[in-house]
C-alpha atoms as a PDB file:
ATOM      1  CA  UNK A   1       7.390  -4.054 -18.409  1.00  0.00           C
ATOM      2  CA  UNK A   2       3.919  -4.679 -19.806  1.00  0.00           C
ATOM      3  CA  UNK A   3       0.602  -4.019 -18.154  1.00  0.00           C
ATOM      4  CA  UNK A   4      -0.790  -7.098 -16.426  1.00  0.00           C
ATOM      5  CA  UNK A   5      -4.372  -6.272 -17.594  1.00  0.00           C
ATOM      6  CA  UNK A   6      -3.977  -5.195 -21.206  1.00  0.00           C
ATOM      7  CA  UNK A   7      -0.430  -5.860 -22.308  1.00  0.00           C
ATOM      8  CA  UNK A   8       0.602  -2.294 -23.214  1.00  0.00           C
ATOM      9  CA  UNK A   9       3.638  -0.649 -21.758  1.00  0.00           C
ATOM     10  CA  UNK A  10       3.127  -0.080 -18.005  1.00  0.00           C
ATOM     11  CA  UNK A  11       3.325   3.256 -16.134  1.00  0.00           C
ATOM     12  CA  UNK A  12       3.339   2.059 -12.578  1.00  0.00           C
ATOM     13  CA  UNK A  13       3.275  -0.843 -10.153  1.00  0.00           C
ATOM     14  CA  UNK A  14       0.415  -1.907  -7.790  1.00  0.00           C
ATOM     15  CA  UNK A  15       1.439  -1.087  -4.319  1.00  0.00           C
ATOM     16  CA  UNK A  16      -0.398  -4.270  -2.933  1.00  0.00           C
ATOM     17  CA  UNK A  17       0.910  -7.122  -5.192  1.00  0.00           C
ATOM     18  CA  UNK A  18       3.546  -5.595  -7.536  1.00  0.00           C
ATOM     19  CA  UNK A  19       1.761  -6.192 -10.926  1.00  0.00           C
ATOM     20  CA  UNK A  20       2.648  -3.653 -13.539  1.00  0.00           C
ATOM     21  CA  UNK A  21      -0.190  -1.527 -14.834  1.00  0.00           C
ATOM     22  CA  UNK A  22      -0.647   1.176 -17.549  1.00  0.00           C
ATOM     23  CA  UNK A  23      -2.218   4.565 -16.852  1.00  0.00           C
ATOM     24  CA  UNK A  24      -5.515   3.639 -18.534  1.00  0.00           C
ATOM     25  CA  UNK A  25      -5.965   0.495 -16.521  1.00  0.00           C
ATOM     26  CA  UNK A  26      -4.928   2.337 -13.289  1.00  0.00           C
ATOM     27  CA  UNK A  27      -7.754   4.879 -13.911  1.00  0.00           C
ATOM     28  CA  UNK A  28     -10.215   2.002 -14.304  1.00  0.00           C
ATOM     29  CA  UNK A  29      -8.994   0.100 -11.283  1.00  0.00           C
ATOM     30  CA  UNK A  30      -8.897   3.166  -8.975  1.00  0.00           C
ATOM     31  CA  UNK A  31      -6.691   3.712  -5.950  1.00  0.00           C
ATOM     32  CA  UNK A  32      -6.785   2.444  -2.353  1.00  0.00           C
ATOM     33  CA  UNK A  33      -5.397   3.691   0.890  1.00  0.00           C
ATOM     34  CA  UNK A  34      -1.986   2.096   1.920  1.00  0.00           C
ATOM     35  CA  UNK A  35      -0.370   2.153   5.430  1.00  0.00           C
ATOM     36  CA  UNK A  36       3.295   3.246   5.201  1.00  0.00           C
ATOM     37  CA  UNK A  37       4.148   3.096   8.860  1.00  0.00           C
ATOM     38  CA  UNK A  38       2.660   2.146  12.205  1.00  0.00           C
ATOM     39  CA  UNK A  39       3.939   3.703  15.457  1.00  0.00           C
ATOM     40  CA  UNK A  40       2.855   4.784  18.987  1.00  0.00           C
ATOM     41  CA  UNK A  41       2.304   8.491  19.303  1.00  0.00           C
ATOM     42  CA  UNK A  42       3.215  10.629  22.351  1.00  0.00           C
ATOM     43  CA  UNK A  43      -0.027   9.600  24.168  1.00  0.00           C
ATOM     44  CA  UNK A  44       0.907   5.881  23.543  1.00  0.00           C
ATOM     45  CA  UNK A  45      -1.890   5.476  21.033  1.00  0.00           C
ATOM     46  CA  UNK A  46      -1.474   3.416  17.841  1.00  0.00           C
ATOM     47  CA  UNK A  47      -1.059   5.699  14.893  1.00  0.00           C
ATOM     48  CA  UNK A  48      -0.367   5.227  11.162  1.00  0.00           C
ATOM     49  CA  UNK A  49       1.005   7.285   8.287  1.00  0.00           C
ATOM     50  CA  UNK A  50      -1.247   6.507   5.299  1.00  0.00           C
ATOM     51  CA  UNK A  51      -1.235   7.254   1.567  1.00  0.00           C
ATOM     52  CA  UNK A  52      -4.746   7.823   0.552  1.00  0.00           C
ATOM     53  CA  UNK A  53      -4.349   7.067  -3.189  1.00  0.00           C
ATOM     54  CA  UNK A  54      -1.847   4.259  -3.703  1.00  0.00           C
ATOM     55  CA  UNK A  55      -1.821   2.619  -7.048  1.00  0.00           C
ATOM     56  CA  UNK A  56      -4.039  -0.388  -7.234  1.00  0.00           C
ATOM     57  CA  UNK A  57      -4.162  -2.962 -10.114  1.00  0.00           C
ATOM     58  CA  UNK A  58      -7.774  -3.985  -9.518  1.00  0.00           C
ATOM     59  CA  UNK A  59      -6.808  -7.690  -9.932  1.00  0.00           C
ATOM     60  CA  UNK A  60      -5.399  -8.461  -6.409  1.00  0.00           C
ATOM     61  CA  UNK A  61      -7.437  -8.652  -3.337  1.00  0.00           C
ATOM     62  CA  UNK A  62      -5.761  -7.037  -0.326  1.00  0.00           C
ATOM     63  CA  UNK A  63      -7.167  -8.554   2.853  1.00  0.00           C
ATOM     64  CA  UNK A  64      -9.397  -6.319   4.981  1.00  0.00           C
ATOM     65  CA  UNK A  65      -8.556  -8.103   8.292  1.00  0.00           C
ATOM     66  CA  UNK A  66      -5.089  -8.442   9.694  1.00  0.00           C
ATOM     67  CA  UNK A  67      -3.559 -12.053   9.904  1.00  0.00           C
ATOM     68  CA  UNK A  68      -1.514 -13.407  12.688  1.00  0.00           C
ATOM     69  CA  UNK A  69       2.081 -14.183  11.753  1.00  0.00           C
ATOM     70  CA  UNK A  70       3.516 -17.020  13.881  1.00  0.00           C
ATOM     71  CA  UNK A  71       7.079 -18.156  14.421  1.00  0.00           C
ATOM     72  CA  UNK A  72       8.786 -14.785  13.791  1.00  0.00           C
ATOM     73  CA  UNK A  73      10.673 -14.603  17.071  1.00  0.00           C
END
């Protein structure tokens, strides 16, 4: 696959949108935290397992606020 940004061979995939990116563009775009799992802990509090430095393309715009998903019953 080729890098979405510069067209060179890619080294990874953006965790947020799936675009391929090379290592140079990944260094320029930086990383973002990514939630792998949500669960209730032993005290019934919401908890999450998070990767601090997930690969990010710099092109997509992950939403900061959660959205409501309807009709999934």
